[in-house]
Amino acid sequence: MACFSATQLHSLSWTSTPHRFLSPPQNPNCTRSLFINCTNRTLSSISNHRPSRASISSSCITSETDVAERPSTLRELCEGHVPEHVLRRMEEIGFVMPTDVQRQALPILLSGCDCILHAQTGSGKTLAYLLLIFSVINTQRSAVQALIVVPTRELGMQVTKVARVLAAKPAELGLEQKSCTVMALLDGGILRRHKSWLKAEPPTIVVATLGSLCQMLEKQIFKLESMRVLVIDEVDFMFNSSKQVSSLRKLLTSYSLSNSRQTVFASASIPQHRRFLYDCIQQKWTKGDVVHVHVNPIEPMPSRLHHRFVICSKKARHQTLQSLLQSDAPLSAIIFVGEQSEKSKKAGNAPATTLLIDFLKTSHEGCSDILLLEEGMNFNLRTASLSELRQGGGYLLVATDIAARGVDLPETTHIYNFDLPRTAVDYLHRAGRTGRKPFSDNKCTVTSSITSEERFVLQRFENELMFHCEELFL
């Protein structure tokens, strides 16, 4: 039985701040006991897999063991759970040492507990839940056994690629051993082809966006009765999306039940995570033993990022950006631009992204080949842009916030906020597109162009995300 200090018990109390997608707790005292009980059950159920000493802060479990007691490699964490050929593929592509979130989460995931993975961008959450999936699926069964739900096509393509690389069957397994198949059921895909595939022989793992997934489920083209693992990636974004929240709730409670699956939620940003944990249990999105693994709660932003801001008028932003690009000479950079407003669209104005690209092509040397990624683009064009980015070499990408969630471009060294993001969470995810090389100490830069009136907004982001932003004078 775990012991709780008065301070720890106090930390379990609820804040009264409302949240748009979470229902308020009816009985705060009941909530407190739920946290204590679910954490105690978790500790007892995974005691054989986790280090001997642990501290509990609210619903968050963090390891306090000495480095010598920790498993030194991913293989040591996963042996006995994940198939050998998957471990070999993992090592071949460079995943040898565990990141902090993998070290803390994998023993919990492999013990069978539902889990909320809450860690910095680029920290290795995707690999953690993929290793869980490979530990439980049975390739001899023709059924969908794992479902990964993502908010965008771009993130889905990325997760699918990693899953297929890990699932590749080595030649020595022979023809009698079926391979693990991974289907990308994403918006913009050819649903007729997916329908034929699902009817002929269901894939083992499906990576899906909610729109395409719900079409298939509503038409009963496939069912989730054999699903063992459900992963919701970028969960906070999906719950806050008016287009996706109702479908997500239905998926969590109607198309499948929490007691028949292992559920994993993942994101770098989960506002009011204690309230979210409460709702996970109360709404039966997860089982009662769900564990919130919160890595680096004191430092949500990667420490190797250098944050700067430049104060300029809105009319001078193009020229300011040009000066920044000339002085920084970034090898690979992303320039984030705000979404075009509906009023601007109705007025027939050109999007800010188009205007910016035209300006850079005519005024900045070396910017003749600039890539664009925005939500209004054709799916094939979006795919082509990302494919070109990943071919290697330097790039300059002008993008809206569609590129801010989960897209992994580890070569990116500079982020420029041409328009300040709307929220601190948006800033966190934009900044998280750089500094993504594991175990690298190379400094990466995030620069925001702001007006003097926007300075207080950026200061609010600094306070909320606990980072320092330095003023740059051009």
Protein backbone atom coordinates (compact mmCIF):
# COMPACT_ATOMS: atom_id res chain seq x y z
CA MET A 1 0.00 0.00 0.00
CA ALA A 2 1.47 3.35 -0.99
CA CYS A 3 1.74 6.15 1.55
CA PHE A 4 0.73 9.72 0.77
CA SER A 5 1.92 12.83 2.53
CA ALA A 6 -0.41 15.72 3.30
CA THR A 7 1.21 17.67 0.48
CA GLN A 8 0.62 14.85 -1.98
CA LEU A 9 -3.00 14.49 -0.91
CA HIS A 10 -3.49 18.22 -1.30
CA SER A 11 -2.05 18.04 -4.82
CA LEU A 12 -4.87 15.68 -5.78
CA SER A 13 -7.50 18.36 -5.31
CA TRP A 14 -9.23 19.84 -8.34
CA THR A 15 -8.87 23.24 -9.88
CA SER A 16 -12.15 24.89 -10.70
CA THR A 17 -11.12 26.20 -14.11
CA PRO A 18 -13.60 24.97 -16.72
CA HIS A 19 -12.42 23.10 -19.79
CA ARG A 20 -14.41 22.93 -22.95
CA PHE A 21 -14.35 19.17 -23.49
CA LEU A 22 -14.27 17.87 -19.92
CA SER A 23 -17.24 17.51 -17.66
CA PRO A 24 -16.81 18.93 -14.14
CA PRO A 25 -16.41 16.42 -11.34
CA GLN A 26 -19.57 15.91 -9.35
CA ASN A 27 -17.81 15.04 -6.14
CA PRO A 28 -14.24 16.24 -5.56
CA ASN A 29 -13.81 13.87 -2.62
CA CYS A 30 -14.74 10.97 -4.85
CA THR A 31 -12.19 12.18 -7.38
CA ARG A 32 -9.46 12.18 -4.79
CA SER A 33 -10.14 8.58 -3.83
CA LEU A 34 -10.23 7.57 -7.48
CA PHE A 35 -6.73 8.92 -7.97
CA ILE A 36 -5.38 7.24 -4.87
CA ASN A 37 -7.03 3.92 -5.57
CA CYS A 38 -6.09 3.75 -9.23
CA THR A 39 -2.50 4.65 -8.46
CA ASN A 40 -2.29 2.03 -5.71
CA ARG A 41 -3.69 -0.63 -8.01
CA THR A 42 -1.20 0.37 -10.66
CA LEU A 43 1.73 0.10 -8.30
CA SER A 44 0.75 -3.36 -7.18
CA SER A 45 0.00 -4.61 -10.69
CA ILE A 46 3.35 -3.55 -12.10
CA SER A 47 5.56 -4.13 -9.11
CA ASN A 48 7.35 -6.96 -10.91
CA HIS A 49 8.18 -4.75 -13.87
CA ARG A 50 9.09 -1.43 -12.31
CA PRO A 51 12.00 -0.31 -10.14
CA SER A 52 11.55 -0.81 -6.43
CA ARG A 53 11.24 2.82 -5.38
CA ALA A 54 8.76 5.23 -6.89
CA SER A 55 7.28 8.56 -5.95
CA ILE A 56 3.70 9.51 -6.68
CA SER A 57 2.64 13.07 -7.34
CA SER A 58 -1.07 13.23 -8.01
CA SER A 59 -1.70 10.75 -10.82
CA CYS A 60 1.80 11.06 -12.22
CA ILE A 61 4.36 8.32 -11.69
CA THR A 62 8.04 9.19 -11.93
CA SER A 63 11.02 6.99 -11.32
CA GLU A 64 13.52 7.82 -8.58
CA THR A 65 15.92 4.94 -9.07
CA ASP A 66 19.63 5.39 -9.52
CA VAL A 67 20.94 5.22 -13.06
CA ALA A 68 22.69 1.93 -12.26
CA GLU A 69 19.34 0.29 -11.45
CA ARG A 70 17.68 1.33 -14.70
CA PRO A 71 17.66 -0.89 -17.79
CA SER A 72 20.43 0.46 -20.00
CA THR A 73 18.91 -0.32 -23.41
CA LEU A 74 15.53 -0.56 -25.10
CA ARG A 75 16.19 -4.26 -25.65
CA GLU A 76 16.51 -4.86 -21.91
CA LEU A 77 13.22 -3.03 -21.33
CA CYS A 78 11.37 -5.04 -23.98
CA GLU A 79 12.92 -8.52 -23.94
CA GLY A 80 10.38 -11.19 -23.16
CA HIS A 81 7.56 -9.00 -24.45
CA VAL A 82 8.46 -7.76 -27.94
CA PRO A 83 9.37 -10.28 -30.70
CA GLU A 84 13.08 -10.64 -31.40
CA HIS A 85 12.84 -9.62 -35.07
CA VAL A 86 11.14 -6.35 -34.06
CA LEU A 87 13.90 -5.64 -31.53
CA ARG A 88 16.52 -6.27 -34.22
CA ARG A 89 14.80 -3.94 -36.66
CA MET A 90 14.53 -1.33 -33.92
CA GLU A 91 18.28 -1.48 -33.33
CA GLU A 92 19.09 -1.49 -37.05
CA ILE A 93 17.33 1.84 -37.56
CA GLY A 94 19.12 3.39 -34.59
CA PHE A 95 16.79 2.98 -31.61
CA VAL A 96 19.10 1.52 -28.97
CA MET A 97 18.97 3.66 -25.83
CA PRO A 98 15.60 4.55 -24.29
CA THR A 99 14.50 8.14 -23.92
CA ASP A 100 13.05 9.27 -20.58
CA VAL A 101 9.45 8.64 -21.60
CA GLN A 102 10.31 5.19 -22.95
CA ARG A 103 12.20 4.28 -19.79
CA GLN A 104 9.29 5.29 -17.59
CA ALA A 105 6.36 4.22 -19.76
CA LEU A 106 7.39 0.88 -21.26
CA PRO A 107 7.29 -1.13 -18.00
CA ILE A 108 3.80 0.26 -17.37
CA LEU A 109 2.60 -0.32 -20.93
CA LEU A 110 4.01 -3.84 -21.08
CA SER A 111 2.29 -4.67 -17.78
CA GLY A 112 -1.09 -4.13 -19.48
CA CYS A 113 -2.15 -0.87 -17.84
CA ASP A 114 -3.93 1.89 -19.70
CA CYS A 115 -1.63 4.88 -19.97
CA ILE A 116 -1.50 8.61 -20.71
CA LEU A 117 1.88 9.46 -22.26
CA HIS A 118 2.55 13.11 -21.50
CA ALA A 119 6.03 14.17 -22.63
CA GLN A 120 7.87 16.74 -24.70
CA THR A 121 7.64 16.81 -28.48
CA GLY A 122 10.15 14.49 -30.11
CA SER A 123 10.65 12.50 -26.90
CA GLY A 124 9.85 9.04 -28.32
CA LYS A 125 6.18 8.49 -27.47
CA THR A 126 5.44 6.93 -30.88
CA LEU A 127 8.06 4.21 -30.50
CA ALA A 128 6.85 3.48 -26.96
CA TYR A 129 3.29 2.70 -28.02
CA LEU A 130 4.41 0.84 -31.16
CA LEU A 131 6.56 -1.49 -29.04
CA LEU A 132 3.51 -2.14 -26.86
CA ILE A 133 1.47 -3.02 -29.95
CA PHE A 134 4.08 -5.46 -31.24
CA SER A 135 4.17 -7.10 -27.82
CA VAL A 136 0.46 -8.05 -27.87
CA ILE A 137 -0.52 -8.72 -31.49
CA ASN A 138 -0.75 -12.23 -32.92
CA THR A 139 0.11 -12.23 -36.62
CA GLN A 140 -1.54 -15.64 -37.07
CA ARG A 141 -4.95 -14.05 -36.50
CA SER A 142 -6.69 -12.30 -39.39
CA ALA A 143 -8.19 -9.41 -37.46
CA VAL A 144 -7.55 -5.77 -36.63
CA GLN A 145 -5.77 -6.02 -33.29
CA ALA A 146 -4.38 -2.51 -32.89
CA LEU A 147 -5.78 0.87 -33.90
CA ILE A 148 -3.80 4.13 -33.86
CA VAL A 149 -5.94 7.24 -34.35
CA VAL A 150 -4.23 10.46 -35.46
CA PRO A 151 -5.59 13.95 -36.19
CA THR A 152 -3.92 14.52 -39.57
CA ARG A 153 -2.95 12.61 -42.67
CA GLU A 154 0.66 13.78 -42.34
CA LEU A 155 1.08 12.34 -38.85
CA GLY A 156 -0.67 9.14 -39.95
CA MET A 157 1.75 8.63 -42.83
CA GLN A 158 4.67 9.14 -40.48
CA VAL A 159 3.41 6.63 -37.87
CA THR A 160 2.57 4.11 -40.62
CA LYS A 161 6.08 4.32 -42.02
CA VAL A 162 7.71 3.60 -38.64
CA ALA A 163 5.26 0.76 -37.92
CA ARG A 164 5.95 -0.88 -41.29
CA VAL A 165 9.71 -0.61 -40.84
CA LEU A 166 9.48 -2.33 -37.45
CA ALA A 167 7.02 -4.94 -38.76
CA ALA A 168 9.19 -6.02 -41.70
CA LYS A 169 9.49 -9.82 -41.56
CA PRO A 170 13.04 -11.20 -41.78
CA ALA A 171 13.67 -13.93 -44.35
CA GLU A 172 14.55 -16.55 -41.73
CA LEU A 173 11.00 -16.61 -40.35
CA GLY A 174 9.85 -18.53 -43.42
CA LEU A 175 6.62 -18.51 -45.39
CA GLU A 176 4.59 -20.27 -42.69
CA GLN A 177 5.00 -17.26 -40.37
CA LYS A 178 2.56 -14.54 -41.43
CA SER A 179 3.86 -10.99 -41.50
CA CYS A 180 2.27 -8.11 -39.63
CA THR A 181 0.34 -5.88 -42.03
CA VAL A 182 -0.16 -2.16 -41.40
CA MET A 183 -2.94 -0.22 -43.13
CA ALA A 184 -3.02 3.57 -43.43
CA LEU A 185 -6.72 4.50 -43.40
CA LEU A 186 -6.27 8.24 -43.85
CA ASP A 187 -8.29 11.15 -45.18
CA GLY A 188 -7.62 11.59 -48.89
CA GLY A 189 -7.02 7.88 -49.45
CA ILE A 190 -8.94 5.61 -51.81
CA LEU A 191 -11.58 4.13 -49.52
CA ARG A 192 -12.76 1.63 -52.14
CA ARG A 193 -9.32 0.03 -52.14
CA HIS A 194 -9.24 -0.04 -48.34
CA LYS A 195 -12.69 -1.61 -48.30
CA SER A 196 -11.53 -4.47 -50.54
CA TRP A 197 -8.43 -5.01 -48.39
CA LEU A 198 -10.42 -5.08 -45.16
CA LYS A 199 -12.90 -7.61 -46.55
CA ALA A 200 -10.24 -9.87 -48.09
CA GLU A 201 -7.87 -10.06 -45.14
CA PRO A 202 -7.99 -7.54 -42.29
CA PRO A 203 -4.66 -5.87 -41.46
CA THR A 204 -3.12 -6.42 -38.05
CA ILE A 205 -2.57 -2.71 -37.35
CA VAL A 206 -4.63 0.21 -38.65
CA VAL A 207 -3.40 3.81 -38.53
CA ALA A 208 -6.41 6.04 -39.16
CA THR A 209 -7.81 9.53 -39.16
CA LEU A 210 -11.23 9.75 -37.57
CA GLY A 211 -13.14 10.74 -40.70
CA SER A 212 -12.10 7.72 -42.77
CA LEU A 213 -12.26 5.37 -39.78
CA CYS A 214 -15.82 6.30 -38.84
CA GLN A 215 -16.99 5.84 -42.43
CA MET A 216 -15.75 2.25 -42.34
CA LEU A 217 -17.16 1.56 -38.89
CA GLU A 218 -20.58 3.03 -39.66
CA LYS A 219 -20.83 0.89 -42.80
CA GLN A 220 -19.69 -2.11 -40.72
CA ILE A 221 -16.93 -2.85 -43.20
CA PHE A 222 -14.84 -3.91 -40.24
CA LYS A 223 -15.35 -4.15 -36.50
CA LEU A 224 -13.15 -3.64 -33.48
CA GLU A 225 -14.18 -6.74 -31.54
CA SER A 226 -10.65 -8.19 -31.77
CA MET A 227 -8.85 -4.93 -31.01
CA ARG A 228 -6.39 -5.27 -28.15
CA VAL A 229 -4.76 -1.82 -28.19
CA LEU A 230 -6.26 1.58 -28.99
CA VAL A 231 -3.91 4.56 -29.26
CA ILE A 232 -5.14 8.15 -29.57
CA ASP A 233 -2.21 10.35 -30.59
CA GLU A 234 -2.34 14.13 -30.05
CA VAL A 235 -5.35 13.47 -27.83
CA ASP A 236 -5.78 17.05 -26.58
CA PHE A 237 -5.96 18.38 -30.14
CA MET A 238 -8.62 15.86 -31.09
CA PHE A 239 -10.78 16.52 -28.05
CA ASN A 240 -10.57 20.26 -28.72
CA SER A 241 -11.53 19.88 -32.38
CA SER A 242 -15.23 20.53 -32.91
CA LYS A 243 -15.04 18.38 -36.06
CA GLN A 244 -13.60 15.34 -34.28
CA VAL A 245 -14.72 15.29 -30.66
CA SER A 246 -18.11 13.59 -31.14
CA SER A 247 -16.61 10.86 -33.32
CA LEU A 248 -13.79 10.36 -30.82
CA ARG A 249 -16.21 9.95 -27.91
CA LYS A 250 -18.19 7.42 -29.94
CA LEU A 251 -15.04 5.48 -30.77
CA LEU A 252 -14.00 5.34 -27.12
CA THR A 253 -17.36 4.23 -25.72
CA SER A 254 -19.54 2.74 -28.49
CA TYR A 255 -17.44 1.06 -31.17
CA SER A 256 -15.29 -0.57 -28.49
CA LEU A 257 -15.33 -0.77 -24.70
CA SER A 258 -12.47 0.21 -22.40
CA ASN A 259 -12.54 -3.04 -20.41
CA SER A 260 -11.87 -5.09 -23.55
CA ARG A 261 -8.79 -3.19 -24.73
CA GLN A 262 -5.65 -1.41 -23.56
CA THR A 263 -5.98 2.32 -24.16
CA VAL A 264 -3.09 4.74 -24.66
CA PHE A 265 -3.43 8.52 -24.97
CA ALA A 266 -0.39 10.51 -26.10
CA SER A 267 0.47 14.20 -26.39
CA ALA A 268 3.05 16.78 -25.44
CA SER A 269 0.30 19.01 -24.07
CA ILE A 270 -2.62 17.89 -21.92
CA PRO A 271 -4.09 20.96 -20.20
CA GLN A 272 -5.61 20.27 -16.78
CA HIS A 273 -4.29 16.73 -16.86
CA ARG A 274 -5.75 15.81 -13.46
CA ARG A 275 -9.22 16.68 -14.67
CA PHE A 276 -8.56 14.78 -17.88
CA LEU A 277 -7.52 11.71 -15.89
CA TYR A 278 -10.72 11.96 -13.86
CA ASP A 279 -12.82 12.06 -17.03
CA CYS A 280 -10.93 9.12 -18.53
CA ILE A 281 -12.19 6.99 -15.64
CA GLN A 282 -15.64 8.52 -15.19
CA GLN A 283 -16.50 8.53 -18.90
CA LYS A 284 -15.05 5.01 -19.26
CA TRP A 285 -12.58 6.06 -21.92
CA THR A 286 -10.04 4.00 -19.99
CA LYS A 287 -10.04 1.42 -17.21
CA GLY A 288 -9.72 2.53 -13.61
CA ASP A 289 -6.02 1.67 -13.37
CA VAL A 290 -4.97 4.23 -15.99
CA VAL A 291 -1.53 5.71 -15.28
CA HIS A 292 -0.47 9.23 -16.19
CA VAL A 293 3.22 9.19 -17.13
CA HIS A 294 4.29 12.83 -17.08
CA VAL A 295 7.90 13.37 -18.11
CA ASN A 296 9.59 16.71 -17.41
CA PRO A 297 6.50 18.45 -15.96
CA ILE A 298 8.75 21.28 -14.75
CA GLU A 299 10.20 21.84 -18.23
CA PRO A 300 7.59 21.20 -20.95
CA MET A 301 9.83 22.79 -23.59
CA PRO A 302 13.01 20.98 -24.73
CA SER A 303 15.98 22.67 -23.03
CA ARG A 304 18.15 22.87 -26.15
CA LEU A 305 15.85 25.41 -27.81
CA HIS A 306 16.93 29.05 -27.93
CA HIS A 307 13.92 31.39 -28.01
CA ARG A 308 14.12 34.89 -29.50
CA PHE A 309 11.71 37.62 -30.51
CA VAL A 310 11.90 40.65 -32.77
CA ILE A 311 9.57 43.62 -32.37
CA CYS A 312 8.42 45.13 -35.65
CA SER A 313 5.29 46.56 -37.23
CA LYS A 314 3.00 44.27 -39.20
CA LYS A 315 3.98 46.06 -42.41
CA ALA A 316 7.65 45.36 -41.74
CA ARG A 317 7.30 41.63 -41.01
CA HIS A 318 8.31 40.48 -44.50
CA GLN A 319 11.46 42.59 -44.44
CA THR A 320 12.22 41.47 -40.87
CA LEU A 321 11.94 37.82 -41.86
CA GLN A 322 14.24 38.39 -44.82
CA SER A 323 16.83 39.96 -42.50
CA LEU A 324 16.55 37.02 -40.09
CA LEU A 325 17.05 34.49 -42.88
CA GLN A 326 20.08 36.37 -44.15
CA SER A 327 21.72 36.60 -40.72
CA ASP A 328 20.85 33.06 -39.56
CA ALA A 329 21.44 31.33 -42.91
CA PRO A 330 19.46 28.28 -41.71
CA LEU A 331 20.08 24.99 -43.46
CA SER A 332 16.54 23.77 -42.77
CA ALA A 333 13.73 25.93 -41.40
CA ILE A 334 9.96 26.12 -41.00
CA ILE A 335 8.13 29.45 -41.19
CA PHE A 336 4.75 29.30 -39.45
CA VAL A 337 1.99 31.55 -40.76
CA GLY A 338 -1.49 32.00 -39.30
CA GLU A 339 -4.54 30.50 -40.99
CA GLN A 340 -6.44 32.74 -43.39
CA SER A 341 -9.63 34.07 -41.81
CA GLU A 342 -13.04 33.35 -43.31
CA LYS A 343 -13.54 37.09 -43.82
CA SER A 344 -10.34 37.29 -45.84
CA LYS A 345 -11.36 34.26 -47.91
CA LYS A 346 -14.76 35.76 -48.72
CA ALA A 347 -13.10 39.01 -49.73
CA GLY A 348 -11.05 37.06 -52.27
CA ASN A 349 -7.70 37.93 -50.70
CA ALA A 350 -4.67 35.76 -51.35
CA PRO A 351 -3.57 33.63 -48.36
CA ALA A 352 -0.70 35.00 -46.27
CA THR A 353 1.29 31.86 -47.09
CA THR A 354 1.12 32.58 -50.83
CA LEU A 355 2.06 36.25 -50.36
CA LEU A 356 5.02 35.28 -48.18
CA ILE A 357 6.33 32.69 -50.64
CA ASP A 358 6.06 35.18 -53.52
CA PHE A 359 7.97 37.77 -51.48
CA LEU A 360 10.76 35.36 -50.51
CA LYS A 361 11.20 34.03 -54.03
CA THR A 362 11.71 37.51 -55.42
CA SER A 363 13.72 39.08 -52.60
CA HIS A 364 15.77 36.43 -50.82
CA GLU A 365 18.66 34.71 -52.54
CA GLY A 366 18.50 30.94 -52.33
CA CYS A 367 14.74 30.86 -51.80
CA SER A 368 13.70 29.92 -55.32
CA ASP A 369 12.53 26.50 -54.14
CA ILE A 370 10.23 26.97 -51.15
CA LEU A 371 7.78 24.30 -50.05
CA LEU A 372 4.25 24.90 -48.77
CA LEU A 373 2.12 22.89 -46.36
CA GLU A 374 -1.34 24.10 -45.40
CA GLU A 375 -4.70 22.53 -44.67
CA GLY A 376 -6.44 23.79 -47.80
CA MET A 377 -3.98 22.02 -50.11
CA ASN A 378 -4.83 18.94 -52.12
CA PHE A 379 -3.84 15.78 -50.20
CA ASN A 380 -1.48 14.70 -52.98
CA LEU A 381 0.30 18.06 -52.92
CA ARG A 382 0.68 17.84 -49.15
CA THR A 383 2.16 14.36 -49.50
CA ALA A 384 4.54 15.56 -52.21
CA SER A 385 5.76 18.45 -50.03
CA LEU A 386 6.55 16.16 -47.10
CA SER A 387 8.22 13.58 -49.35
CA GLU A 388 10.48 16.26 -50.79
CA LEU A 389 11.36 17.50 -47.31
CA ARG A 390 12.40 14.03 -46.19
CA GLN A 391 14.65 13.37 -49.15
CA GLY A 392 17.43 15.16 -47.31
CA GLY A 393 19.34 18.37 -47.74
CA GLY A 394 18.26 21.86 -46.77
CA TYR A 395 14.73 23.15 -47.05
CA LEU A 396 12.55 26.13 -46.31
CA LEU A 397 8.95 25.24 -45.51
CA VAL A 398 6.15 27.79 -45.19
CA ALA A 399 3.34 26.17 -43.20
CA THR A 400 0.23 26.72 -41.15
CA ASP A 401 -0.38 24.89 -37.88
CA ILE A 402 -1.15 21.65 -39.71
CA ALA A 403 2.63 21.09 -39.61
CA ALA A 404 2.83 21.75 -35.87
CA ARG A 405 1.34 18.46 -34.65
CA GLY A 406 3.50 15.36 -34.73
CA VAL A 407 5.27 15.95 -38.05
CA ASP A 408 8.82 14.70 -37.57
CA LEU A 409 11.46 16.64 -39.50
CA PRO A 410 14.59 16.07 -37.39
CA GLU A 411 16.84 18.14 -39.68
CA THR A 412 14.95 21.34 -38.86
CA THR A 413 17.23 23.79 -37.04
CA HIS A 414 15.16 26.99 -37.09
CA ILE A 415 11.52 27.86 -36.48
CA TYR A 416 10.17 31.29 -37.43
CA ASN A 417 6.79 32.45 -36.14
CA PHE A 418 5.82 34.91 -38.86
CA ASP A 419 2.49 35.15 -37.02
CA LEU A 420 2.38 34.57 -33.27
CA PRO A 421 0.44 31.40 -32.42
CA ARG A 422 -2.94 31.77 -30.75
CA THR A 423 -2.13 29.82 -27.58
CA ALA A 424 0.82 28.63 -25.52
CA VAL A 425 0.00 25.05 -26.54
CA ASP A 426 0.29 26.05 -30.21
CA TYR A 427 3.64 27.70 -29.45
CA LEU A 428 4.83 24.51 -27.74
CA HIS A 429 3.97 22.34 -30.74
CA ARG A 430 5.41 24.76 -33.29
CA ALA A 431 8.67 24.97 -31.34
CA GLY A 432 8.65 21.19 -31.06
CA ARG A 433 9.26 20.80 -34.80
CA THR A 434 12.92 21.51 -34.11
CA GLY A 435 15.37 19.96 -31.66
CA ARG A 436 14.00 16.51 -32.44
CA LYS A 437 17.23 14.55 -32.85
CA PRO A 438 17.40 12.14 -29.89
CA PHE A 439 20.30 12.66 -27.47
CA SER A 440 21.58 15.66 -29.46
CA ASP A 441 22.82 18.76 -27.64
CA ASN A 442 22.82 20.98 -30.73
CA LYS A 443 21.06 24.26 -30.07
CA CYS A 444 18.05 25.04 -32.23
CA THR A 445 16.35 28.40 -32.55
CA VAL A 446 12.74 29.58 -32.34
CA THR A 447 12.20 33.21 -33.42
CA SER A 448 8.92 35.14 -33.23
CA SER A 449 8.13 38.37 -35.05
CA ILE A 450 5.75 40.38 -32.90
CA THR A 451 4.35 43.87 -32.56
CA SER A 452 4.93 45.81 -29.34
CA GLU A 453 1.28 45.15 -28.42
CA GLU A 454 1.87 41.38 -28.69
CA ARG A 455 4.76 41.35 -26.23
CA PHE A 456 2.49 40.61 -23.28
CA VAL A 457 1.05 37.59 -25.15
CA LEU A 458 4.52 36.15 -25.64
CA GLN A 459 5.30 36.83 -21.96
CA ARG A 460 2.21 34.84 -21.04
CA PHE A 461 3.49 31.94 -23.15
CA GLU A 462 6.86 32.19 -21.36
CA ASN A 463 5.20 32.02 -17.94
CA GLU A 464 2.93 29.14 -18.89
CA LEU A 465 5.61 27.05 -20.61
CA MET A 466 8.46 28.12 -18.31
CA PHE A 467 11.01 29.29 -20.86
CA HIS A 468 12.92 32.53 -21.47
CA CYS A 469 12.65 34.50 -24.70
CA GLU A 470 15.47 36.89 -25.57
CA GLU A 471 14.89 40.09 -27.54
CA LEU A 472 16.83 40.34 -30.78
CA PHE A 473 17.73 43.70 -32.31
CA LEU A 474 18.32 43.81 -36.05
